[in-house]
Amino acid sequence: MITDRAWTRAQKSWPVLAMLAAVTLAVVLLHLEGRLWMCACGRIQLWSGQVCSDNNSQHLLDPYSLTHVLHGFLFFWVIFWLARRLNGGWQMALSVIVEAAWEVFENTNFIIDRYRSATAALGYNGDTVINSVGDILCCLIGFIIARRLGLRRSLIVFAALEVVLIIWIRDSLLLEILMLVFPVDAIKAAQMCR
């Protein structure tokens, strides 16, 4: 017979299981889509800091990982406004599920071709599976940070990270969205690798 305490503990594990299932499904779908498990260079690096290289989006983390941290901020805000009554664990799980779905969609030929034509990512071939897993983890970290900071302070941190990214890599989450939806030639020219 299941006690109330055991049932409560089991219920708390459902969001974690949902997150693990979402990441596992994303990994399988990415592999079926033809994404490499890891960099074609044969190495696995924790960090690849060179944006203008064929190592970008091929290792666990890169400068664009910070844009996925910002995804977590955005998901926190949207979930806070639309699903405030949802249990905190399920809010977190929902953000991971959405990010995992984005990683699969982002690595379709449609979006990869869009990145190549509309942004400065001329040689972009998509993420490796390990990079996508890193991006999903970054989103989860961003969600947790935003939840701890609250709405007002997370907005300030979001804006600061956007500025840091623009100065550092001449790109940011908001610029990525703009360039995917409505490409601006001047921004594309400014982002080109020198």
C-alpha atoms as a PDB file:
ATOM      1  CA  MET A   1       0.000   0.000   0.000  1.00  0.00           C
ATOM      2  CA  ILE A   2       1.291   3.458  -0.926  1.00  0.00           C
ATOM      3  CA  THR A   3       1.433   5.931   1.931  1.00  0.00           C
ATOM      4  CA  ASP A   4       0.528   9.590   1.512  1.00  0.00           C
ATOM      5  CA  ARG A   5       4.172  10.540   1.967  1.00  0.00           C
ATOM      6  CA  ALA A   6       5.330   8.105  -0.734  1.00  0.00           C
ATOM      7  CA  TRP A   7       2.595   9.334  -3.086  1.00  0.00           C
ATOM      8  CA  THR A   8       3.629  12.983  -2.498  1.00  0.00           C
ATOM      9  CA  ARG A   9       7.269  12.072  -3.188  1.00  0.00           C
ATOM     10  CA  ALA A  10       6.246  10.259  -6.382  1.00  0.00           C
ATOM     11  CA  GLN A  11       4.203  13.255  -7.531  1.00  0.00           C
ATOM     12  CA  LYS A  12       7.208  15.525  -7.040  1.00  0.00           C
ATOM     13  CA  SER A  13       9.288  13.305  -9.314  1.00  0.00           C
ATOM     14  CA  TRP A  14       6.874  13.558 -12.276  1.00  0.00           C
ATOM     15  CA  PRO A  15       8.181  16.963 -13.459  1.00  0.00           C
ATOM     16  CA  VAL A  16      11.767  15.653 -13.347  1.00  0.00           C
ATOM     17  CA  LEU A  17      10.738  12.589 -15.338  1.00  0.00           C
ATOM     18  CA  ALA A  18       8.944  14.822 -17.845  1.00  0.00           C
ATOM     19  CA  MET A  19      12.120  16.905 -18.286  1.00  0.00           C
ATOM     20  CA  LEU A  20      14.260  13.792 -18.772  1.00  0.00           C
ATOM     21  CA  ALA A  21      11.748  12.420 -21.278  1.00  0.00           C
ATOM     22  CA  ALA A  22      11.736  15.714 -23.222  1.00  0.00           C
ATOM     23  CA  VAL A  23      15.538  15.816 -23.412  1.00  0.00           C
ATOM     24  CA  THR A  24      15.700  12.128 -24.400  1.00  0.00           C
ATOM     25  CA  LEU A  25      13.097  12.610 -27.129  1.00  0.00           C
ATOM     26  CA  ALA A  26      14.938  15.681 -28.418  1.00  0.00           C
ATOM     27  CA  VAL A  27      18.217  13.737 -28.535  1.00  0.00           C
ATOM     28  CA  VAL A  28      16.579  10.918 -30.509  1.00  0.00           C
ATOM     29  CA  LEU A  29      14.855  13.313 -32.925  1.00  0.00           C
ATOM     30  CA  LEU A  30      18.031  15.342 -33.450  1.00  0.00           C
ATOM     31  CA  HIS A  31      19.974  12.191 -34.223  1.00  0.00           C
ATOM     32  CA  LEU A  32      17.252  10.993 -36.608  1.00  0.00           C
ATOM     33  CA  GLU A  33      17.398  14.419 -38.280  1.00  0.00           C
ATOM     34  CA  GLY A  34      21.058  13.729 -39.004  1.00  0.00           C
ATOM     35  CA  ARG A  35      22.714  15.883 -36.357  1.00  0.00           C
ATOM     36  CA  LEU A  36      26.150  14.667 -35.305  1.00  0.00           C
ATOM     37  CA  TRP A  37      26.512  13.457 -31.719  1.00  0.00           C
ATOM     38  CA  MET A  38      29.604  15.611 -31.242  1.00  0.00           C
ATOM     39  CA  CYS A  39      31.967  17.838 -33.187  1.00  0.00           C
ATOM     40  CA  ALA A  40      33.262  16.329 -36.428  1.00  0.00           C
ATOM     41  CA  CYS A  41      36.722  17.311 -35.140  1.00  0.00           C
ATOM     42  CA  GLY A  42      36.523  14.260 -32.853  1.00  0.00           C
ATOM     43  CA  ARG A  43      36.943  16.206 -29.601  1.00  0.00           C
ATOM     44  CA  ILE A  44      34.420  17.041 -26.933  1.00  0.00           C
ATOM     45  CA  GLN A  45      35.041  20.419 -25.356  1.00  0.00           C
ATOM     46  CA  LEU A  46      33.143  21.919 -22.457  1.00  0.00           C
ATOM     47  CA  TRP A  47      33.510  25.413 -23.997  1.00  0.00           C
ATOM     48  CA  SER A  48      34.187  26.735 -27.479  1.00  0.00           C
ATOM     49  CA  GLY A  49      34.484  30.506 -27.311  1.00  0.00           C
ATOM     50  CA  GLN A  50      35.217  31.282 -30.958  1.00  0.00           C
ATOM     51  CA  VAL A  51      31.973  32.342 -32.676  1.00  0.00           C
ATOM     52  CA  CYS A  52      33.526  32.667 -36.131  1.00  0.00           C
ATOM     53  CA  SER A  53      34.757  29.087 -36.363  1.00  0.00           C
ATOM     54  CA  ASP A  54      33.525  25.675 -37.347  1.00  0.00           C
ATOM     55  CA  ASN A  55      33.561  24.781 -33.622  1.00  0.00           C
ATOM     56  CA  ASN A  56      30.644  27.113 -32.890  1.00  0.00           C
ATOM     57  CA  SER A  57      27.522  25.148 -31.891  1.00  0.00           C
ATOM     58  CA  GLN A  58      29.541  21.924 -31.957  1.00  0.00           C
ATOM     59  CA  HIS A  59      30.605  21.558 -28.313  1.00  0.00           C
ATOM     60  CA  LEU A  60      28.666  21.562 -25.042  1.00  0.00           C
ATOM     61  CA  LEU A  61      28.745  25.345 -24.526  1.00  0.00           C
ATOM     62  CA  ASP A  62      29.578  28.408 -26.633  1.00  0.00           C
ATOM     63  CA  PRO A  63      28.766  32.130 -26.495  1.00  0.00           C
ATOM     64  CA  TYR A  64      25.302  31.423 -27.909  1.00  0.00           C
ATOM     65  CA  SER A  65      24.592  29.321 -24.820  1.00  0.00           C
ATOM     66  CA  LEU A  66      23.887  32.634 -23.087  1.00  0.00           C
ATOM     67  CA  THR A  67      20.996  33.235 -25.496  1.00  0.00           C
ATOM     68  CA  HIS A  68      19.527  29.959 -24.263  1.00  0.00           C
ATOM     69  CA  VAL A  69      19.898  31.163 -20.675  1.00  0.00           C
ATOM     70  CA  LEU A  70      17.790  34.117 -21.844  1.00  0.00           C
ATOM     71  CA  HIS A  71      15.238  31.658 -23.283  1.00  0.00           C
ATOM     72  CA  GLY A  72      14.823  30.473 -19.694  1.00  0.00           C
ATOM     73  CA  PHE A  73      14.153  34.049 -18.591  1.00  0.00           C
ATOM     74  CA  LEU A  74      11.520  34.481 -21.317  1.00  0.00           C
ATOM     75  CA  PHE A  75       9.846  31.178 -20.466  1.00  0.00           C
ATOM     76  CA  PHE A  76       9.754  32.144 -16.796  1.00  0.00           C
ATOM     77  CA  TRP A  77       7.990  35.408 -17.627  1.00  0.00           C
ATOM     78  CA  VAL A  78       5.473  33.806 -19.985  1.00  0.00           C
ATOM     79  CA  ILE A  79       4.716  30.947 -17.604  1.00  0.00           C
ATOM     80  CA  PHE A  80       4.477  33.379 -14.682  1.00  0.00           C
ATOM     81  CA  TRP A  81       1.774  35.326 -16.546  1.00  0.00           C
ATOM     82  CA  LEU A  82      -0.058  32.442 -18.209  1.00  0.00           C
ATOM     83  CA  ALA A  83       0.322  29.553 -15.750  1.00  0.00           C
ATOM     84  CA  ARG A  84       1.046  31.147 -12.401  1.00  0.00           C
ATOM     85  CA  ARG A  85      -0.982  28.511 -10.540  1.00  0.00           C
ATOM     86  CA  LEU A  86       0.966  25.645 -12.068  1.00  0.00           C
ATOM     87  CA  ASN A  87       3.229  23.862  -9.598  1.00  0.00           C
ATOM     88  CA  GLY A  88       6.829  25.196  -9.664  1.00  0.00           C
ATOM     89  CA  GLY A  89       8.236  21.851 -10.771  1.00  0.00           C
ATOM     90  CA  TRP A  90       5.789  21.688 -13.645  1.00  0.00           C
ATOM     91  CA  GLN A  91       6.580  25.279 -14.608  1.00  0.00           C
ATOM     92  CA  MET A  92      10.234  24.293 -14.866  1.00  0.00           C
ATOM     93  CA  ALA A  93       9.344  21.128 -16.790  1.00  0.00           C
ATOM     94  CA  LEU A  94       7.222  23.142 -19.215  1.00  0.00           C
ATOM     95  CA  SER A  95      10.157  25.442 -19.962  1.00  0.00           C
ATOM     96  CA  VAL A  96      12.446  22.452 -20.633  1.00  0.00           C
ATOM     97  CA  ILE A  97       9.823  20.814 -22.864  1.00  0.00           C
ATOM     98  CA  VAL A  98       9.429  24.005 -24.917  1.00  0.00           C
ATOM     99  CA  GLU A  99      13.210  24.457 -25.172  1.00  0.00           C
ATOM    100  CA  ALA A 100      13.689  20.836 -26.232  1.00  0.00           C
ATOM    101  CA  ALA A 101      11.036  21.316 -28.931  1.00  0.00           C
ATOM    102  CA  TRP A 102      12.800  24.516 -30.063  1.00  0.00           C
ATOM    103  CA  GLU A 103      16.145  22.683 -30.294  1.00  0.00           C
ATOM    104  CA  VAL A 104      14.575  20.080 -32.577  1.00  0.00           C
ATOM    105  CA  PHE A 105      12.886  22.759 -34.718  1.00  0.00           C
ATOM    106  CA  GLU A 106      15.997  24.983 -34.736  1.00  0.00           C
ATOM    107  CA  ASN A 107      17.991  22.121 -36.232  1.00  0.00           C
ATOM    108  CA  THR A 108      15.643  21.362 -39.099  1.00  0.00           C
ATOM    109  CA  ASN A 109      16.885  22.174 -42.577  1.00  0.00           C
ATOM    110  CA  PHE A 110      14.234  24.913 -42.787  1.00  0.00           C
ATOM    111  CA  ILE A 111      15.645  26.909 -39.843  1.00  0.00           C
ATOM    112  CA  ILE A 112      19.282  26.135 -40.679  1.00  0.00           C
ATOM    113  CA  ASP A 113      18.711  27.479 -44.198  1.00  0.00           C
ATOM    114  CA  ARG A 114      16.958  30.510 -42.721  1.00  0.00           C
ATOM    115  CA  TYR A 115      19.945  31.209 -40.456  1.00  0.00           C
ATOM    116  CA  ARG A 116      22.267  30.929 -43.447  1.00  0.00           C
ATOM    117  CA  SER A 117      20.240  33.251 -45.661  1.00  0.00           C
ATOM    118  CA  ALA A 118      18.994  35.831 -43.141  1.00  0.00           C
ATOM    119  CA  THR A 119      21.846  36.082 -40.646  1.00  0.00           C
ATOM    120  CA  ALA A 120      25.627  36.219 -40.636  1.00  0.00           C
ATOM    121  CA  ALA A 121      25.780  32.437 -39.973  1.00  0.00           C
ATOM    122  CA  LEU A 122      26.862  31.632 -43.523  1.00  0.00           C
ATOM    123  CA  GLY A 123      28.517  28.271 -42.825  1.00  0.00           C
ATOM    124  CA  TYR A 124      26.140  27.160 -40.098  1.00  0.00           C
ATOM    125  CA  ASN A 125      25.311  23.445 -40.337  1.00  0.00           C
ATOM    126  CA  GLY A 126      23.221  23.056 -37.227  1.00  0.00           C
ATOM    127  CA  ASP A 127      24.048  22.082 -33.674  1.00  0.00           C
ATOM    128  CA  THR A 128      25.544  18.809 -32.556  1.00  0.00           C
ATOM    129  CA  VAL A 129      23.415  16.749 -30.197  1.00  0.00           C
ATOM    130  CA  ILE A 130      25.761  17.563 -27.313  1.00  0.00           C
ATOM    131  CA  ASN A 131      25.423  21.299 -28.029  1.00  0.00           C
ATOM    132  CA  SER A 132      21.627  21.019 -28.079  1.00  0.00           C
ATOM    133  CA  VAL A 133      21.696  19.266 -24.699  1.00  0.00           C
ATOM    134  CA  GLY A 134      23.923  22.079 -23.398  1.00  0.00           C
ATOM    135  CA  ASP A 135      21.446  24.642 -24.747  1.00  0.00           C
ATOM    136  CA  ILE A 136      18.531  22.914 -23.005  1.00  0.00           C
ATOM    137  CA  LEU A 137      20.493  22.874 -19.728  1.00  0.00           C
ATOM    138  CA  CYS A 138      21.270  26.585 -20.167  1.00  0.00           C
ATOM    139  CA  CYS A 139      17.566  27.296 -20.605  1.00  0.00           C
ATOM    140  CA  LEU A 140      16.829  25.414 -17.377  1.00  0.00           C
ATOM    141  CA  ILE A 141      19.540  27.416 -15.584  1.00  0.00           C
ATOM    142  CA  GLY A 142      18.068  30.643 -16.977  1.00  0.00           C
ATOM    143  CA  PHE A 143      14.598  29.674 -15.770  1.00  0.00           C
ATOM    144  CA  ILE A 144      15.916  28.942 -12.272  1.00  0.00           C
ATOM    145  CA  ILE A 145      17.885  32.212 -12.143  1.00  0.00           C
ATOM    146  CA  ALA A 146      14.891  34.251 -13.334  1.00  0.00           C
ATOM    147  CA  ARG A 147      12.597  32.587 -10.800  1.00  0.00           C
ATOM    148  CA  ARG A 148      15.025  33.357  -7.974  1.00  0.00           C
ATOM    149  CA  LEU A 149      15.525  36.948  -9.113  1.00  0.00           C
ATOM    150  CA  GLY A 150      11.834  37.661  -9.673  1.00  0.00           C
ATOM    151  CA  LEU A 151      10.329  39.701 -12.489  1.00  0.00           C
ATOM    152  CA  ARG A 152      11.923  43.101 -11.952  1.00  0.00           C
ATOM    153  CA  ARG A 153      15.484  41.978 -11.248  1.00  0.00           C
ATOM    154  CA  SER A 154      15.378  39.343 -14.005  1.00  0.00           C
ATOM    155  CA  LEU A 155      14.447  42.058 -16.517  1.00  0.00           C
ATOM    156  CA  ILE A 156      17.546  44.011 -15.492  1.00  0.00           C
ATOM    157  CA  VAL A 157      19.789  40.927 -15.818  1.00  0.00           C
ATOM    158  CA  PHE A 158      18.185  40.074 -19.180  1.00  0.00           C
ATOM    159  CA  ALA A 159      18.943  43.565 -20.518  1.00  0.00           C
ATOM    160  CA  ALA A 160      22.507  43.430 -19.173  1.00  0.00           C
ATOM    161  CA  LEU A 161      23.149  40.052 -20.834  1.00  0.00           C
ATOM    162  CA  GLU A 162      21.762  41.356 -24.119  1.00  0.00           C
ATOM    163  CA  VAL A 163      24.206  44.282 -23.983  1.00  0.00           C
ATOM    164  CA  VAL A 164      27.130  41.999 -23.073  1.00  0.00           C
ATOM    165  CA  LEU A 165      26.307  39.680 -26.001  1.00  0.00           C
ATOM    166  CA  ILE A 166      25.990  42.563 -28.477  1.00  0.00           C
ATOM    167  CA  ILE A 167      29.372  43.952 -27.424  1.00  0.00           C
ATOM    168  CA  TRP A 168      31.047  40.526 -27.231  1.00  0.00           C
ATOM    169  CA  ILE A 169      29.705  38.621 -30.267  1.00  0.00           C
ATOM    170  CA  ARG A 170      27.694  41.325 -32.093  1.00  0.00           C
ATOM    171  CA  ASP A 171      24.560  39.215 -31.599  1.00  0.00           C
ATOM    172  CA  SER A 172      21.969  38.530 -28.911  1.00  0.00           C
ATOM    173  CA  LEU A 173      18.677  36.737 -28.408  1.00  0.00           C
ATOM    174  CA  LEU A 174      16.612  39.745 -29.483  1.00  0.00           C
ATOM    175  CA  LEU A 175      18.810  40.305 -32.546  1.00  0.00           C
ATOM    176  CA  GLU A 176      18.515  36.603 -33.451  1.00  0.00           C
ATOM    177  CA  ILE A 177      14.732  36.826 -33.306  1.00  0.00           C
ATOM    178  CA  LEU A 178      14.707  40.042 -35.348  1.00  0.00           C
ATOM    179  CA  MET A 179      17.039  38.601 -37.992  1.00  0.00           C
ATOM    180  CA  LEU A 180      15.056  35.375 -38.328  1.00  0.00           C
ATOM    181  CA  VAL A 181      11.731  37.191 -38.679  1.00  0.00           C
ATOM    182  CA  PHE A 182      12.734  40.440 -40.392  1.00  0.00           C
ATOM    183  CA  PRO A 183      16.355  40.449 -41.594  1.00  0.00           C
ATOM    184  CA  VAL A 184      18.120  43.810 -41.614  1.00  0.00           C
ATOM    185  CA  ASP A 185      21.061  44.058 -44.016  1.00  0.00           C
ATOM    186  CA  ALA A 186      22.919  46.598 -41.858  1.00  0.00           C
ATOM    187  CA  ILE A 187      22.794  44.285 -38.833  1.00  0.00           C
ATOM    188  CA  LYS A 188      23.887  41.322 -40.945  1.00  0.00           C
ATOM    189  CA  ALA A 189      26.850  43.330 -42.273  1.00  0.00           C
ATOM    190  CA  ALA A 190      27.840  44.392 -38.745  1.00  0.00           C
ATOM    191  CA  GLN A 191      27.714  40.769 -37.560  1.00  0.00           C
ATOM    192  CA  MET A 192      29.899  39.333 -40.334  1.00  0.00           C
ATOM    193  CA  CYS A 193      33.105  37.697 -39.127  1.00  0.00           C
ATOM    194  CA  ARG A 194      36.168  39.780 -39.745  1.00  0.00           C
END
